[in-house]
Amino acid sequence: METGQLEAKELNAKFYRYQSMLFPFAYNITGDFMAAEDVVQEVLNHHFLNPAEHIEKPDHYLIRSVINRAINQKSLLRSRMEKYPGKWLPSPVLTEEGIYAEADRDKILHYSLLVLMEQLNPKERAVFILKETFDFNHEEIADVLNINTDHARQLLKRGRKKIDRQAIRPARALKESQPLLQQLAEAISAADIERTKRLLAKDVESVSDGGPNMRAARKVLVGQERVSKFLKAVFGKYHPEGATATFTIVNHYPALVFRLQGKIFRCIVFETVKHTITKIFIVLNPDKFLGLDS
């Protein structure tokens, strides 16, 4: 192999490694797959096109750059969300084999926690994630965000007050969840409302995100009665002929990905506790499906 080809191969390998390492930071902070991809791409392009010999710790430098750019990007997203129709849900990503760029699956936040993160402002969110997910200490967080350690502690304290400690615990969707979703689909298909209800928690919640171009429930639906009727409509009159549903793991939760002629048109993510469905997140916005095709 010629020298130029060898150098190009090594450069591609390094780029790919950094891409995989940095994606979870950007994604957890933005909650948006496309925004996270853009953040990582911009940082890496600048780094490789404008090499700086004085950088002694490139990993640290790149993580710091991605985190701060992701914070800025999240601020822009939050301003746009003020005009967003209905509820805004994070872009789901696969957390079984095949996740984007082989990124560290364990560092991707579970879906319910990612939803709860929207209560935090971008900087609180970054501090919370760096501490709880990446195990940074206060000095490291302060260095990354260019703030003092007391400020880092205050941001973490504020963030923890807004987030239920129960939600921080790591969640793992086991393959055993698949029969539960199969039972749900069968109960809905049979129009068996009572059987459907038995699979749902009494205080089950359903949140839908259709974005600006897709019809979706604009309010959070709560309770077995309302959610079971809504699911019947989703699996009935809103289920196109010829569509297929595939079980997968999304953000560590069991999920159904719906396709029509090979194209994703819906993703439903389920939070389950002891064989009962407690939360349902329905993503219909086509801009949020890129993390499911990686």
C-alpha atoms as a PDB file:
ATOM      1  CA  MET A   1       0.000   0.000   0.000  1.00  0.00           C
ATOM      2  CA  GLU A   2       1.356   3.437  -0.968  1.00  0.00           C
ATOM      3  CA  THR A   3       2.151   6.014   1.688  1.00  0.00           C
ATOM      4  CA  GLY A   4      -0.737   8.289   0.674  1.00  0.00           C
ATOM      5  CA  GLN A   5      -3.248   5.436   0.788  1.00  0.00           C
ATOM      6  CA  LEU A   6      -1.961   4.299   4.167  1.00  0.00           C
ATOM      7  CA  GLU A   7      -2.259   7.804   5.602  1.00  0.00           C
ATOM      8  CA  ALA A   8      -5.804   8.149   4.234  1.00  0.00           C
ATOM      9  CA  LYS A   9      -6.786   4.809   5.775  1.00  0.00           C
ATOM     10  CA  GLU A  10      -5.326   5.793   9.144  1.00  0.00           C
ATOM     11  CA  LEU A  11      -7.091   9.166   8.969  1.00  0.00           C
ATOM     12  CA  ASN A  12     -10.433   7.512   8.191  1.00  0.00           C
ATOM     13  CA  ALA A  13      -9.974   5.078  11.075  1.00  0.00           C
ATOM     14  CA  LYS A  14      -9.186   7.950  13.457  1.00  0.00           C
ATOM     15  CA  PHE A  15     -12.172   9.965  12.200  1.00  0.00           C
ATOM     16  CA  TYR A  16     -14.488   6.982  12.666  1.00  0.00           C
ATOM     17  CA  ARG A  17     -13.191   6.336  16.196  1.00  0.00           C
ATOM     18  CA  TYR A  18     -13.734   9.934  17.238  1.00  0.00           C
ATOM     19  CA  GLN A  19     -17.159   9.973  15.625  1.00  0.00           C
ATOM     20  CA  SER A  20     -18.200   6.951  17.692  1.00  0.00           C
ATOM     21  CA  MET A  21     -16.743   8.392  20.895  1.00  0.00           C
ATOM     22  CA  LEU A  22     -18.289  11.847  20.532  1.00  0.00           C
ATOM     23  CA  PHE A  23     -21.781  11.000  19.318  1.00  0.00           C
ATOM     24  CA  PRO A  24     -23.239  10.038  22.746  1.00  0.00           C
ATOM     25  CA  PHE A  25     -22.154  13.395  24.223  1.00  0.00           C
ATOM     26  CA  ALA A  26     -23.807  15.382  21.433  1.00  0.00           C
ATOM     27  CA  TYR A  27     -26.929  13.225  21.271  1.00  0.00           C
ATOM     28  CA  ASN A  28     -27.615  13.178  25.019  1.00  0.00           C
ATOM     29  CA  ILE A  29     -27.310  16.956  25.207  1.00  0.00           C
ATOM     30  CA  THR A  30     -29.383  17.797  22.104  1.00  0.00           C
ATOM     31  CA  GLY A  31     -31.835  14.882  22.133  1.00  0.00           C
ATOM     32  CA  ASP A  32     -31.831  15.194  18.361  1.00  0.00           C
ATOM     33  CA  PHE A  33     -30.084  12.740  16.043  1.00  0.00           C
ATOM     34  CA  MET A  34     -29.516  15.133  13.131  1.00  0.00           C
ATOM     35  CA  ALA A  35     -28.297  17.928  15.396  1.00  0.00           C
ATOM     36  CA  ALA A  36     -25.889  15.544  17.147  1.00  0.00           C
ATOM     37  CA  GLU A  37     -24.529  14.304  13.832  1.00  0.00           C
ATOM     38  CA  ASP A  38     -24.013  17.876  12.624  1.00  0.00           C
ATOM     39  CA  VAL A  39     -22.253  18.902  15.848  1.00  0.00           C
ATOM     40  CA  VAL A  40     -19.803  15.989  15.705  1.00  0.00           C
ATOM     41  CA  GLN A  41     -19.190  16.430  11.975  1.00  0.00           C
ATOM     42  CA  GLU A  42     -18.465  20.139  12.296  1.00  0.00           C
ATOM     43  CA  VAL A  43     -16.053  19.661  15.190  1.00  0.00           C
ATOM     44  CA  LEU A  44     -14.171  16.841  13.487  1.00  0.00           C
ATOM     45  CA  ASN A  45     -14.011  18.609  10.136  1.00  0.00           C
ATOM     46  CA  HIS A  46     -12.512  21.669  11.796  1.00  0.00           C
ATOM     47  CA  HIS A  47     -10.086  19.528  13.796  1.00  0.00           C
ATOM     48  CA  PHE A  48      -8.767  17.554  10.825  1.00  0.00           C
ATOM     49  CA  LEU A  49      -8.781  20.404   8.303  1.00  0.00           C
ATOM     50  CA  ASN A  50      -7.095  22.802  10.714  1.00  0.00           C
ATOM     51  CA  PRO A  51      -4.644  20.636  12.670  1.00  0.00           C
ATOM     52  CA  ALA A  52      -3.254  22.308  15.769  1.00  0.00           C
ATOM     53  CA  GLU A  53       0.074  20.901  16.862  1.00  0.00           C
ATOM     54  CA  HIS A  54      -0.205  22.462  20.311  1.00  0.00           C
ATOM     55  CA  ILE A  55      -3.160  20.225  21.320  1.00  0.00           C
ATOM     56  CA  GLU A  56      -1.651  17.786  23.808  1.00  0.00           C
ATOM     57  CA  LYS A  57      -4.833  15.838  24.585  1.00  0.00           C
ATOM     58  CA  PRO A  58      -6.952  15.647  21.419  1.00  0.00           C
ATOM     59  CA  ASP A  59      -9.603  13.425  23.050  1.00  0.00           C
ATOM     60  CA  HIS A  60     -10.204  15.970  25.809  1.00  0.00           C
ATOM     61  CA  TYR A  61     -10.124  18.852  23.334  1.00  0.00           C
ATOM     62  CA  LEU A  62     -12.692  17.213  21.034  1.00  0.00           C
ATOM     63  CA  ILE A  63     -15.023  16.205  23.875  1.00  0.00           C
ATOM     64  CA  ARG A  64     -14.919  19.749  25.204  1.00  0.00           C
ATOM     65  CA  SER A  65     -15.592  21.195  21.732  1.00  0.00           C
ATOM     66  CA  VAL A  66     -18.507  18.844  21.068  1.00  0.00           C
ATOM     67  CA  ILE A  67     -20.127  19.444  24.446  1.00  0.00           C
ATOM     68  CA  ASN A  68     -20.023  23.225  24.154  1.00  0.00           C
ATOM     69  CA  ARG A  69     -21.216  23.195  20.557  1.00  0.00           C
ATOM     70  CA  ALA A  70     -24.012  20.799  21.555  1.00  0.00           C
ATOM     71  CA  ILE A  71     -25.080  23.183  24.340  1.00  0.00           C
ATOM     72  CA  ASN A  72     -25.317  26.019  21.805  1.00  0.00           C
ATOM     73  CA  GLN A  73     -27.235  23.788  19.404  1.00  0.00           C
ATOM     74  CA  LYS A  74     -29.662  22.765  22.149  1.00  0.00           C
ATOM     75  CA  SER A  75     -30.318  26.423  22.918  1.00  0.00           C
ATOM     76  CA  LEU A  76     -31.280  26.947  19.263  1.00  0.00           C
ATOM     77  CA  LEU A  77     -33.514  23.868  19.319  1.00  0.00           C
ATOM     78  CA  ARG A  78     -35.274  25.066  22.455  1.00  0.00           C
ATOM     79  CA  SER A  79     -36.080  28.411  20.848  1.00  0.00           C
ATOM     80  CA  ARG A  80     -37.559  26.592  17.832  1.00  0.00           C
ATOM     81  CA  MET A  81     -39.534  24.284  20.116  1.00  0.00           C
ATOM     82  CA  GLU A  82     -41.514  27.274  21.359  1.00  0.00           C
ATOM     83  CA  LYS A  83     -43.297  27.215  17.974  1.00  0.00           C
ATOM     84  CA  TYR A  84     -43.383  23.423  17.685  1.00  0.00           C
ATOM     85  CA  PRO A  85     -46.911  22.050  17.175  1.00  0.00           C
ATOM     86  CA  GLY A  86     -47.934  19.741  20.011  1.00  0.00           C
ATOM     87  CA  LYS A  87     -45.439  17.764  22.048  1.00  0.00           C
ATOM     88  CA  TRP A  88     -41.741  17.446  21.187  1.00  0.00           C
ATOM     89  CA  LEU A  89     -40.089  14.065  21.682  1.00  0.00           C
ATOM     90  CA  PRO A  90     -36.395  13.163  21.288  1.00  0.00           C
ATOM     91  CA  SER A  91     -35.195  11.404  18.142  1.00  0.00           C
ATOM     92  CA  PRO A  92     -35.047   7.680  18.960  1.00  0.00           C
ATOM     93  CA  VAL A  93     -31.875   5.692  18.225  1.00  0.00           C
ATOM     94  CA  LEU A  94     -31.224   1.976  18.154  1.00  0.00           C
ATOM     95  CA  THR A  95     -29.465   0.600  21.207  1.00  0.00           C
ATOM     96  CA  GLU A  96     -29.045  -2.962  20.072  1.00  0.00           C
ATOM     97  CA  GLU A  97     -26.586  -4.139  17.428  1.00  0.00           C
ATOM     98  CA  GLY A  98     -26.151  -1.656  14.637  1.00  0.00           C
ATOM     99  CA  ILE A  99     -26.256   1.587  16.618  1.00  0.00           C
ATOM    100  CA  TYR A 100     -24.844   4.573  14.834  1.00  0.00           C
ATOM    101  CA  ALA A 101     -21.099   4.386  14.206  1.00  0.00           C
ATOM    102  CA  GLU A 102     -20.757   1.689  16.888  1.00  0.00           C
ATOM    103  CA  ALA A 103     -21.121   4.363  19.550  1.00  0.00           C
ATOM    104  CA  ASP A 104     -21.082   3.212  23.171  1.00  0.00           C
ATOM    105  CA  ARG A 105     -24.659   1.985  23.694  1.00  0.00           C
ATOM    106  CA  ASP A 106     -24.395   2.180  27.489  1.00  0.00           C
ATOM    107  CA  LYS A 107     -23.802   5.926  27.306  1.00  0.00           C
ATOM    108  CA  ILE A 108     -27.000   6.632  25.385  1.00  0.00           C
ATOM    109  CA  LEU A 109     -29.728   7.821  27.774  1.00  0.00           C
ATOM    110  CA  HIS A 110     -32.859   5.698  28.122  1.00  0.00           C
ATOM    111  CA  TYR A 111     -35.875   7.244  26.458  1.00  0.00           C
ATOM    112  CA  SER A 112     -37.903   8.363  29.480  1.00  0.00           C
ATOM    113  CA  LEU A 113     -34.880  10.086  30.995  1.00  0.00           C
ATOM    114  CA  LEU A 114     -34.173  11.789  27.679  1.00  0.00           C
ATOM    115  CA  VAL A 115     -37.747  13.111  27.733  1.00  0.00           C
ATOM    116  CA  LEU A 116     -37.347  14.333  31.331  1.00  0.00           C
ATOM    117  CA  MET A 117     -34.122  16.106  30.370  1.00  0.00           C
ATOM    118  CA  GLU A 118     -36.244  18.692  28.550  1.00  0.00           C
ATOM    119  CA  GLN A 119     -37.031  20.201  31.959  1.00  0.00           C
ATOM    120  CA  LEU A 120     -33.407  21.341  32.249  1.00  0.00           C
ATOM    121  CA  ASN A 121     -31.790  24.257  30.482  1.00  0.00           C
ATOM    122  CA  PRO A 122     -28.925  23.273  28.137  1.00  0.00           C
ATOM    123  CA  LYS A 123     -26.112  23.924  30.614  1.00  0.00           C
ATOM    124  CA  GLU A 124     -27.898  22.153  33.492  1.00  0.00           C
ATOM    125  CA  ARG A 125     -28.491  19.283  31.117  1.00  0.00           C
ATOM    126  CA  ALA A 126     -24.834  19.069  30.119  1.00  0.00           C
ATOM    127  CA  VAL A 127     -23.645  19.082  33.743  1.00  0.00           C
ATOM    128  CA  PHE A 128     -26.211  16.476  34.743  1.00  0.00           C
ATOM    129  CA  ILE A 129     -25.232  14.170  31.865  1.00  0.00           C
ATOM    130  CA  LEU A 130     -21.488  14.581  32.383  1.00  0.00           C
ATOM    131  CA  LYS A 131     -21.849  13.722  36.070  1.00  0.00           C
ATOM    132  CA  GLU A 132     -24.515  11.006  35.994  1.00  0.00           C
ATOM    133  CA  THR A 133     -23.706   9.289  32.691  1.00  0.00           C
ATOM    134  CA  PHE A 134     -20.024   9.926  32.001  1.00  0.00           C
ATOM    135  CA  ASP A 135     -18.797  10.063  35.617  1.00  0.00           C
ATOM    136  CA  PHE A 136     -16.967  13.382  35.262  1.00  0.00           C
ATOM    137  CA  ASN A 137     -16.017  15.004  38.567  1.00  0.00           C
ATOM    138  CA  HIS A 138     -16.831  18.645  39.318  1.00  0.00           C
ATOM    139  CA  GLU A 139     -13.343  19.838  38.409  1.00  0.00           C
ATOM    140  CA  GLU A 140     -13.528  18.113  35.017  1.00  0.00           C
ATOM    141  CA  ILE A 141     -17.007  19.507  34.357  1.00  0.00           C
ATOM    142  CA  ALA A 142     -15.872  23.011  35.294  1.00  0.00           C
ATOM    143  CA  ASP A 143     -12.908  22.696  32.937  1.00  0.00           C
ATOM    144  CA  VAL A 144     -15.033  21.462  30.027  1.00  0.00           C
ATOM    145  CA  LEU A 145     -17.643  24.219  30.433  1.00  0.00           C
ATOM    146  CA  ASN A 146     -15.148  26.930  31.400  1.00  0.00           C
ATOM    147  CA  ILE A 147     -16.894  27.666  34.702  1.00  0.00           C
ATOM    148  CA  ASN A 148     -15.778  27.384  38.330  1.00  0.00           C
ATOM    149  CA  THR A 149     -16.431  24.254  40.374  1.00  0.00           C
ATOM    150  CA  ASP A 150     -18.974  25.955  42.655  1.00  0.00           C
ATOM    151  CA  HIS A 151     -21.036  26.895  39.616  1.00  0.00           C
ATOM    152  CA  ALA A 152     -20.786  23.304  38.339  1.00  0.00           C
ATOM    153  CA  ARG A 153     -22.082  22.016  41.681  1.00  0.00           C
ATOM    154  CA  GLN A 154     -24.969  24.495  41.662  1.00  0.00           C
ATOM    155  CA  LEU A 155     -25.977  23.505  38.132  1.00  0.00           C
ATOM    156  CA  LEU A 156     -25.978  19.837  39.124  1.00  0.00           C
ATOM    157  CA  LYS A 157     -27.988  20.550  42.257  1.00  0.00           C
ATOM    158  CA  ARG A 158     -30.616  22.462  40.247  1.00  0.00           C
ATOM    159  CA  GLY A 159     -30.777  19.701  37.666  1.00  0.00           C
ATOM    160  CA  ARG A 160     -31.233  16.962  40.253  1.00  0.00           C
ATOM    161  CA  LYS A 161     -34.110  18.860  41.861  1.00  0.00           C
ATOM    162  CA  LYS A 162     -35.984  18.779  38.549  1.00  0.00           C
ATOM    163  CA  ILE A 163     -35.385  15.104  37.749  1.00  0.00           C
ATOM    164  CA  ASP A 164     -36.896  12.204  39.677  1.00  0.00           C
ATOM    165  CA  ARG A 165     -34.035  10.139  41.110  1.00  0.00           C
ATOM    166  CA  GLN A 166     -35.899   6.970  40.152  1.00  0.00           C
ATOM    167  CA  ALA A 167     -35.613   7.968  36.504  1.00  0.00           C
ATOM    168  CA  ILE A 168     -31.816   8.158  36.662  1.00  0.00           C
ATOM    169  CA  ARG A 169     -31.446   4.446  37.248  1.00  0.00           C
ATOM    170  CA  PRO A 170     -30.242   2.644  34.118  1.00  0.00           C
ATOM    171  CA  ALA A 171     -32.988   0.913  32.176  1.00  0.00           C
ATOM    172  CA  ARG A 172     -32.550  -2.179  30.073  1.00  0.00           C
ATOM    173  CA  ALA A 173     -35.233  -3.506  27.762  1.00  0.00           C
ATOM    174  CA  LEU A 174     -34.989  -7.262  27.686  1.00  0.00           C
ATOM    175  CA  LYS A 175     -36.059  -9.405  24.779  1.00  0.00           C
ATOM    176  CA  GLU A 176     -38.745 -10.710  27.146  1.00  0.00           C
ATOM    177  CA  SER A 177     -40.591  -7.460  26.453  1.00  0.00           C
ATOM    178  CA  GLN A 178     -41.417  -8.688  22.964  1.00  0.00           C
ATOM    179  CA  PRO A 179     -44.218 -11.064  24.106  1.00  0.00           C
ATOM    180  CA  LEU A 180     -45.810  -8.181  26.045  1.00  0.00           C
ATOM    181  CA  LEU A 181     -45.990  -6.032  22.923  1.00  0.00           C
ATOM    182  CA  GLN A 182     -47.250  -9.003  20.950  1.00  0.00           C
ATOM    183  CA  GLN A 183     -50.056  -9.464  23.500  1.00  0.00           C
ATOM    184  CA  LEU A 184     -50.886  -5.773  23.211  1.00  0.00           C
ATOM    185  CA  ALA A 185     -51.059  -5.912  19.421  1.00  0.00           C
ATOM    186  CA  GLU A 186     -53.255  -9.022  19.543  1.00  0.00           C
ATOM    187  CA  ALA A 187     -55.610  -7.488  22.110  1.00  0.00           C
ATOM    188  CA  ILE A 188     -55.973  -4.313  20.056  1.00  0.00           C
ATOM    189  CA  SER A 189     -56.475  -6.258  16.810  1.00  0.00           C
ATOM    190  CA  ALA A 190     -59.211  -8.299  18.477  1.00  0.00           C
ATOM    191  CA  ALA A 191     -60.830  -5.073  19.708  1.00  0.00           C
ATOM    192  CA  ASP A 192     -60.543  -6.510  23.212  1.00  0.00           C
ATOM    193  CA  ILE A 193     -60.478  -3.309  25.233  1.00  0.00           C
ATOM    194  CA  GLU A 194     -60.532  -5.059  28.629  1.00  0.00           C
ATOM    195  CA  ARG A 195     -57.550  -7.230  27.710  1.00  0.00           C
ATOM    196  CA  THR A 196     -55.754  -4.153  26.386  1.00  0.00           C
ATOM    197  CA  LYS A 197     -56.387  -2.317  29.648  1.00  0.00           C
ATOM    198  CA  ARG A 198     -54.924  -5.181  31.689  1.00  0.00           C
ATOM    199  CA  LEU A 199     -51.611  -4.704  29.902  1.00  0.00           C
ATOM    200  CA  LEU A 200     -51.549  -0.987  30.761  1.00  0.00           C
ATOM    201  CA  ALA A 201     -50.791   0.629  34.109  1.00  0.00           C
ATOM    202  CA  LYS A 202     -53.746   2.488  35.619  1.00  0.00           C
ATOM    203  CA  ASP A 203     -51.914   5.789  35.223  1.00  0.00           C
ATOM    204  CA  VAL A 204     -50.366   4.930  31.845  1.00  0.00           C
ATOM    205  CA  GLU A 205     -49.382   7.937  29.741  1.00  0.00           C
ATOM    206  CA  SER A 206     -49.213   8.310  25.977  1.00  0.00           C
ATOM    207  CA  VAL A 207     -47.271  11.148  24.320  1.00  0.00           C
ATOM    208  CA  SER A 208     -47.282  11.731  20.560  1.00  0.00           C
ATOM    209  CA  ASP A 209     -45.009  13.842  18.337  1.00  0.00           C
ATOM    210  CA  GLY A 210     -46.109  14.476  14.761  1.00  0.00           C
ATOM    211  CA  GLY A 211     -44.069  17.579  14.082  1.00  0.00           C
ATOM    212  CA  PRO A 212     -45.335  20.267  11.711  1.00  0.00           C
ATOM    213  CA  ASN A 213     -46.563  17.934   8.961  1.00  0.00           C
ATOM    214  CA  MET A 214     -48.055  14.826  10.596  1.00  0.00           C
ATOM    215  CA  ARG A 215     -51.294  14.547  12.566  1.00  0.00           C
ATOM    216  CA  ALA A 216     -50.807  13.474  16.173  1.00  0.00           C
ATOM    217  CA  ALA A 217     -52.481  13.797  19.560  1.00  0.00           C
ATOM    218  CA  ARG A 218     -51.495  17.236  20.807  1.00  0.00           C
ATOM    219  CA  LYS A 219     -52.037  16.480  24.497  1.00  0.00           C
ATOM    220  CA  VAL A 220     -50.685  13.818  26.826  1.00  0.00           C
ATOM    221  CA  LEU A 221     -53.275  11.057  27.240  1.00  0.00           C
ATOM    222  CA  VAL A 222     -53.528   9.558  30.738  1.00  0.00           C
ATOM    223  CA  GLY A 223     -55.318   6.453  31.999  1.00  0.00           C
ATOM    224  CA  GLN A 224     -56.211   3.001  30.704  1.00  0.00           C
ATOM    225  CA  GLU A 225     -59.500   4.068  29.090  1.00  0.00           C
ATOM    226  CA  ARG A 226     -58.183   6.938  27.011  1.00  0.00           C
ATOM    227  CA  VAL A 227     -54.916   5.271  26.057  1.00  0.00           C
ATOM    228  CA  SER A 228     -56.483   1.929  25.081  1.00  0.00           C
ATOM    229  CA  LYS A 229     -58.970   3.675  22.771  1.00  0.00           C
ATOM    230  CA  PHE A 230     -56.183   5.731  21.257  1.00  0.00           C
ATOM    231  CA  LEU A 231     -54.052   2.638  20.643  1.00  0.00           C
ATOM    232  CA  LYS A 232     -57.001   0.963  18.945  1.00  0.00           C
ATOM    233  CA  ALA A 233     -57.133   3.888  16.516  1.00  0.00           C
ATOM    234  CA  VAL A 234     -53.361   3.820  15.984  1.00  0.00           C
ATOM    235  CA  PHE A 235     -53.354   0.094  15.189  1.00  0.00           C
ATOM    236  CA  GLY A 236     -56.656   0.345  13.288  1.00  0.00           C
ATOM    237  CA  LYS A 237     -57.677   3.241  11.077  1.00  0.00           C
ATOM    238  CA  TYR A 238     -54.197   4.805  11.262  1.00  0.00           C
ATOM    239  CA  HIS A 239     -52.461   1.582  10.212  1.00  0.00           C
ATOM    240  CA  PRO A 240     -52.043   1.567   6.406  1.00  0.00           C
ATOM    241  CA  GLU A 241     -52.700  -1.647   4.493  1.00  0.00           C
ATOM    242  CA  GLY A 242     -49.461  -3.491   3.815  1.00  0.00           C
ATOM    243  CA  ALA A 243     -47.607  -1.874   6.717  1.00  0.00           C
ATOM    244  CA  THR A 244     -45.309  -3.998   8.896  1.00  0.00           C
ATOM    245  CA  ALA A 245     -44.204  -3.648  12.522  1.00  0.00           C
ATOM    246  CA  THR A 246     -40.804  -4.813  13.754  1.00  0.00           C
ATOM    247  CA  PHE A 247     -39.775  -5.258  17.388  1.00  0.00           C
ATOM    248  CA  THR A 248     -36.502  -3.575  18.303  1.00  0.00           C
ATOM    249  CA  ILE A 249     -34.701  -1.858  21.200  1.00  0.00           C
ATOM    250  CA  VAL A 250     -34.715   1.942  21.119  1.00  0.00           C
ATOM    251  CA  ASN A 251     -32.864   3.948  23.766  1.00  0.00           C
ATOM    252  CA  HIS A 252     -32.820   0.774  25.926  1.00  0.00           C
ATOM    253  CA  TYR A 253     -36.629   0.428  25.733  1.00  0.00           C
ATOM    254  CA  PRO A 254     -38.740  -2.027  23.744  1.00  0.00           C
ATOM    255  CA  ALA A 255     -40.161  -0.451  20.620  1.00  0.00           C
ATOM    256  CA  LEU A 256     -42.145  -1.142  17.485  1.00  0.00           C
ATOM    257  CA  VAL A 257     -40.930   0.393  14.237  1.00  0.00           C
ATOM    258  CA  PHE A 258     -43.577   0.584  11.511  1.00  0.00           C
ATOM    259  CA  ARG A 259     -42.685   0.543   7.823  1.00  0.00           C
ATOM    260  CA  LEU A 260     -44.631   0.896   4.610  1.00  0.00           C
ATOM    261  CA  GLN A 261     -42.844  -0.172   1.430  1.00  0.00           C
ATOM    262  CA  GLY A 262     -39.607  -0.208   3.417  1.00  0.00           C
ATOM    263  CA  LYS A 263     -39.971   3.361   4.695  1.00  0.00           C
ATOM    264  CA  ILE A 264     -40.420   4.107   8.415  1.00  0.00           C
ATOM    265  CA  PHE A 265     -43.576   6.065   9.191  1.00  0.00           C
ATOM    266  CA  ARG A 266     -43.993   5.489  12.935  1.00  0.00           C
ATOM    267  CA  CYS A 267     -41.977   4.459  15.986  1.00  0.00           C
ATOM    268  CA  ILE A 268     -43.645   3.575  19.283  1.00  0.00           C
ATOM    269  CA  VAL A 269     -41.413   3.329  22.347  1.00  0.00           C
ATOM    270  CA  PHE A 270     -42.724   1.593  25.479  1.00  0.00           C
ATOM    271  CA  GLU A 271     -41.667   1.972  29.087  1.00  0.00           C
ATOM    272  CA  THR A 272     -42.533  -1.209  30.968  1.00  0.00           C
ATOM    273  CA  VAL A 273     -42.489  -2.179  34.639  1.00  0.00           C
ATOM    274  CA  LYS A 274     -43.112  -5.788  35.677  1.00  0.00           C
ATOM    275  CA  HIS A 275     -44.927  -6.823  32.482  1.00  0.00           C
ATOM    276  CA  THR A 276     -47.060  -3.677  32.519  1.00  0.00           C
ATOM    277  CA  ILE A 277     -46.824  -0.755  30.104  1.00  0.00           C
ATOM    278  CA  THR A 278     -46.415   2.523  32.005  1.00  0.00           C
ATOM    279  CA  LYS A 279     -45.532   5.021  29.261  1.00  0.00           C
ATOM    280  CA  ILE A 280     -45.963   5.102  25.498  1.00  0.00           C
ATOM    281  CA  PHE A 281     -44.078   7.494  23.220  1.00  0.00           C
ATOM    282  CA  ILE A 282     -45.324   7.719  19.637  1.00  0.00           C
ATOM    283  CA  VAL A 283     -42.967   9.395  17.150  1.00  0.00           C
ATOM    284  CA  LEU A 284     -44.483  10.303  13.780  1.00  0.00           C
ATOM    285  CA  ASN A 285     -42.248  13.178  12.704  1.00  0.00           C
ATOM    286  CA  PRO A 286     -40.259  11.747   9.736  1.00  0.00           C
ATOM    287  CA  ASP A 287     -37.292  14.005  10.549  1.00  0.00           C
ATOM    288  CA  LYS A 288     -36.711  11.910  13.687  1.00  0.00           C
ATOM    289  CA  PHE A 289     -36.256   8.494  12.081  1.00  0.00           C
ATOM    290  CA  LEU A 290     -32.629   8.756  10.926  1.00  0.00           C
ATOM    291  CA  GLY A 291     -31.333   7.127  14.106  1.00  0.00           C
ATOM    292  CA  LEU A 292     -33.420   4.029  13.333  1.00  0.00           C
ATOM    293  CA  ASP A 293     -31.904   3.379   9.921  1.00  0.00           C
ATOM    294  CA  SER A 294     -28.227   3.609  10.927  1.00  0.00           C
END
